[in-house]
Amino acid sequence: MRWDYPDPDPDLASYIVVVRSTAAPDWKREIIWAGNVREITMKNTPIDQLIFGVKSVDSGGHESPVSAYGLPAR
């Protein structure tokens, strides 16, 4: 997964990847702390029935809303 954050907050501590089933209304599955990076590779992860999202967290622990991850246009 890759994402953009063109004007990151100087207090940015990490990005968090969240996962949920396509049938679930809320982000209930695992949480992956990605670090202060703009790309993550998740090996051996089935993607057919999952939706991924990314959110940021600052050094005080304040989290942004989740942005659902969409595939880039081909």
N, C-alpha and C. Protein backbone atom coordinates (compact mmCIF):
# COMPACT_ATOMS: atom_id res chain seq x y z
N MET A 1 0.84 -1.16 0.00
CA MET A 1 0.00 0.00 0.00
C MET A 1 0.89 1.24 0.00
N ARG A 2 0.44 2.25 -0.70
CA ARG A 2 1.13 3.54 -0.71
C ARG A 2 0.09 4.63 -0.50
N TRP A 3 0.49 5.69 0.18
CA TRP A 3 -0.41 6.81 0.38
C TRP A 3 0.38 8.10 0.38
N ASP A 4 -0.33 9.19 0.13
CA ASP A 4 0.26 10.53 0.10
C ASP A 4 -0.19 11.31 1.32
N TYR A 5 0.66 12.15 1.78
CA TYR A 5 0.34 13.15 2.79
C TYR A 5 1.20 14.34 2.43
N PRO A 6 0.72 15.16 1.49
CA PRO A 6 1.57 16.19 0.90
C PRO A 6 2.06 17.26 1.88
N ASP A 7 1.32 17.52 2.94
CA ASP A 7 1.72 18.55 3.90
C ASP A 7 1.62 17.97 5.32
N PRO A 8 2.52 17.05 5.68
CA PRO A 8 2.40 16.37 6.97
C PRO A 8 2.62 17.32 8.15
N ASP A 9 1.90 17.05 9.20
CA ASP A 9 2.05 17.80 10.45
C ASP A 9 3.43 17.52 11.02
N PRO A 10 4.13 18.51 11.53
CA PRO A 10 5.47 18.27 12.08
C PRO A 10 5.44 17.35 13.31
N ASP A 11 4.27 17.18 13.91
CA ASP A 11 4.13 16.33 15.10
C ASP A 11 3.74 14.89 14.73
N LEU A 12 3.72 14.57 13.44
CA LEU A 12 3.33 13.23 13.00
C LEU A 12 4.25 12.17 13.59
N ALA A 13 3.65 11.16 14.22
CA ALA A 13 4.44 10.09 14.83
C ALA A 13 4.39 8.81 14.01
N SER A 14 3.22 8.48 13.45
CA SER A 14 3.08 7.21 12.76
C SER A 14 1.83 7.21 11.91
N TYR A 15 1.80 6.28 10.99
CA TYR A 15 0.58 5.95 10.27
C TYR A 15 0.10 4.60 10.79
N ILE A 16 -1.19 4.41 10.79
CA ILE A 16 -1.79 3.15 11.24
C ILE A 16 -2.64 2.62 10.09
N VAL A 17 -2.45 1.36 9.76
CA VAL A 17 -3.28 0.69 8.75
C VAL A 17 -4.32 -0.13 9.51
N VAL A 18 -5.57 0.05 9.14
CA VAL A 18 -6.66 -0.71 9.77
C VAL A 18 -7.33 -1.57 8.71
N VAL A 19 -7.93 -2.65 9.16
CA VAL A 19 -8.51 -3.64 8.25
C VAL A 19 -9.90 -4.01 8.75
N ARG A 20 -10.81 -4.22 7.81
CA ARG A 20 -12.14 -4.73 8.17
C ARG A 20 -12.67 -5.60 7.04
N SER A 21 -13.62 -6.41 7.37
CA SER A 21 -14.30 -7.23 6.37
C SER A 21 -15.14 -6.32 5.49
N THR A 22 -15.37 -6.73 4.26
CA THR A 22 -16.22 -5.94 3.36
C THR A 22 -17.65 -5.86 3.87
N ALA A 23 -18.05 -6.80 4.72
CA ALA A 23 -19.41 -6.82 5.26
C ALA A 23 -19.54 -6.07 6.58
N ALA A 24 -18.43 -5.67 7.18
CA ALA A 24 -18.46 -5.02 8.49
C ALA A 24 -18.61 -3.50 8.34
N PRO A 25 -19.43 -2.87 9.18
CA PRO A 25 -19.60 -1.43 9.08
C PRO A 25 -18.49 -0.63 9.77
N ASP A 26 -17.74 -1.26 10.66
CA ASP A 26 -16.72 -0.56 11.44
C ASP A 26 -15.36 -1.22 11.26
N TRP A 27 -14.32 -0.46 11.57
CA TRP A 27 -12.95 -0.97 11.52
C TRP A 27 -12.74 -1.82 12.77
N LYS A 28 -12.87 -3.14 12.65
CA LYS A 28 -12.80 -4.02 13.81
C LYS A 28 -11.60 -4.95 13.80
N ARG A 29 -10.94 -5.06 12.71
CA ARG A 29 -9.88 -6.05 12.59
C ARG A 29 -8.56 -5.50 13.08
N GLU A 30 -7.51 -6.16 12.72
CA GLU A 30 -6.18 -5.83 13.20
C GLU A 30 -5.76 -4.40 12.88
N ILE A 31 -4.87 -3.91 13.69
CA ILE A 31 -4.28 -2.59 13.50
C ILE A 31 -2.78 -2.78 13.29
N ILE A 32 -2.25 -2.15 12.27
CA ILE A 32 -0.83 -2.30 11.94
C ILE A 32 -0.17 -0.94 12.06
N TRP A 33 0.76 -0.81 13.00
CA TRP A 33 1.52 0.43 13.14
C TRP A 33 2.59 0.43 12.06
N ALA A 34 2.46 1.33 11.10
CA ALA A 34 3.37 1.36 9.95
C ALA A 34 4.61 2.21 10.21
N GLY A 35 4.55 3.12 11.15
CA GLY A 35 5.66 4.05 11.37
C GLY A 35 5.46 5.30 10.53
N ASN A 36 6.43 6.15 10.52
CA ASN A 36 6.36 7.39 9.76
C ASN A 36 6.87 7.14 8.34
N VAL A 37 6.12 6.34 7.61
CA VAL A 37 6.45 5.96 6.24
C VAL A 37 5.24 6.22 5.34
N ARG A 38 5.42 6.14 4.06
CA ARG A 38 4.32 6.35 3.11
C ARG A 38 4.01 5.09 2.30
N GLU A 39 4.55 3.95 2.75
CA GLU A 39 4.36 2.70 2.02
C GLU A 39 4.54 1.53 2.98
N ILE A 40 3.74 0.49 2.79
CA ILE A 40 3.87 -0.72 3.61
C ILE A 40 3.52 -1.92 2.74
N THR A 41 4.22 -3.01 2.96
CA THR A 41 3.93 -4.26 2.27
C THR A 41 3.43 -5.26 3.29
N MET A 42 2.27 -5.82 3.03
CA MET A 42 1.68 -6.81 3.93
C MET A 42 1.69 -8.15 3.22
N LYS A 43 2.62 -9.00 3.59
CA LYS A 43 2.76 -10.30 2.95
C LYS A 43 1.71 -11.27 3.47
N ASN A 44 1.30 -12.19 2.61
CA ASN A 44 0.35 -13.23 2.96
C ASN A 44 -0.94 -12.68 3.54
N THR A 45 -1.43 -11.60 2.95
CA THR A 45 -2.68 -10.99 3.39
C THR A 45 -3.73 -11.16 2.30
N PRO A 46 -4.80 -11.91 2.57
CA PRO A 46 -5.85 -12.07 1.57
C PRO A 46 -6.61 -10.75 1.41
N ILE A 47 -6.81 -10.32 0.18
CA ILE A 47 -7.43 -9.01 -0.05
C ILE A 47 -8.84 -9.09 -0.64
N ASP A 48 -9.32 -10.28 -0.93
CA ASP A 48 -10.60 -10.41 -1.61
C ASP A 48 -11.79 -9.91 -0.79
N GLN A 49 -11.79 -10.11 0.50
CA GLN A 49 -12.95 -9.73 1.31
C GLN A 49 -12.57 -8.76 2.42
N LEU A 50 -11.55 -7.96 2.17
CA LEU A 50 -11.09 -6.99 3.17
C LEU A 50 -11.06 -5.59 2.58
N ILE A 51 -11.26 -4.62 3.45
CA ILE A 51 -11.09 -3.21 3.10
C ILE A 51 -10.02 -2.66 4.02
N PHE A 52 -9.12 -1.88 3.46
CA PHE A 52 -8.02 -1.31 4.22
C PHE A 52 -8.21 0.19 4.36
N GLY A 53 -7.70 0.73 5.43
CA GLY A 53 -7.75 2.16 5.66
C GLY A 53 -6.45 2.62 6.29
N VAL A 54 -6.18 3.92 6.21
CA VAL A 54 -4.97 4.49 6.79
C VAL A 54 -5.38 5.70 7.61
N LYS A 55 -4.76 5.85 8.79
CA LYS A 55 -4.95 7.05 9.59
C LYS A 55 -3.60 7.45 10.17
N SER A 56 -3.50 8.69 10.59
CA SER A 56 -2.25 9.17 11.18
C SER A 56 -2.45 9.38 12.67
N VAL A 57 -1.34 9.36 13.39
CA VAL A 57 -1.36 9.61 14.83
C VAL A 57 -0.18 10.52 15.16
N ASP A 58 -0.43 11.50 16.05
CA ASP A 58 0.66 12.41 16.42
C ASP A 58 1.35 11.91 17.69
N SER A 59 2.37 12.62 18.12
CA SER A 59 3.15 12.16 19.27
C SER A 59 2.35 12.17 20.57
N GLY A 60 1.22 12.88 20.60
CA GLY A 60 0.36 12.88 21.77
C GLY A 60 -0.69 11.78 21.76
N GLY A 61 -0.70 10.97 20.68
CA GLY A 61 -1.65 9.88 20.58
C GLY A 61 -2.97 10.25 19.94
N HIS A 62 -3.10 11.45 19.40
CA HIS A 62 -4.33 11.88 18.74
C HIS A 62 -4.37 11.27 17.33
N GLU A 63 -5.47 10.60 17.02
CA GLU A 63 -5.60 9.91 15.73
C GLU A 63 -6.53 10.67 14.79
N SER A 64 -6.19 10.64 13.51
CA SER A 64 -7.05 11.22 12.49
C SER A 64 -8.17 10.24 12.17
N PRO A 65 -9.21 10.69 11.46
CA PRO A 65 -10.20 9.74 10.95
C PRO A 65 -9.53 8.80 9.93
N VAL A 66 -10.10 7.64 9.75
CA VAL A 66 -9.58 6.67 8.78
C VAL A 66 -9.94 7.11 7.37
N SER A 67 -8.98 7.00 6.48
CA SER A 67 -9.22 7.22 5.06
C SER A 67 -9.19 5.85 4.40
N ALA A 68 -10.32 5.44 3.83
CA ALA A 68 -10.36 4.13 3.17
C ALA A 68 -9.38 4.12 2.02
N TYR A 69 -8.66 3.03 1.89
CA TYR A 69 -7.63 2.91 0.87
C TYR A 69 -8.24 2.41 -0.43
N GLY A 70 -8.01 3.12 -1.51
CA GLY A 70 -8.49 2.69 -2.82
C GLY A 70 -7.33 2.42 -3.75
N LEU A 71 -7.55 1.50 -4.66
CA LEU A 71 -6.49 1.19 -5.62
C LEU A 71 -6.34 2.34 -6.61
N PRO A 72 -5.12 2.66 -7.00
CA PRO A 72 -4.91 3.72 -7.98
C PRO A 72 -5.45 3.33 -9.35
N ALA A 73 -5.84 4.31 -10.14
CA ALA A 73 -6.32 4.04 -11.49
C ALA A 73 -5.20 3.44 -12.32
N ARG A 74 -5.57 2.53 -13.18
CA ARG A 74 -4.56 1.90 -14.05
C ARG A 74 -4.60 2.46 -15.43
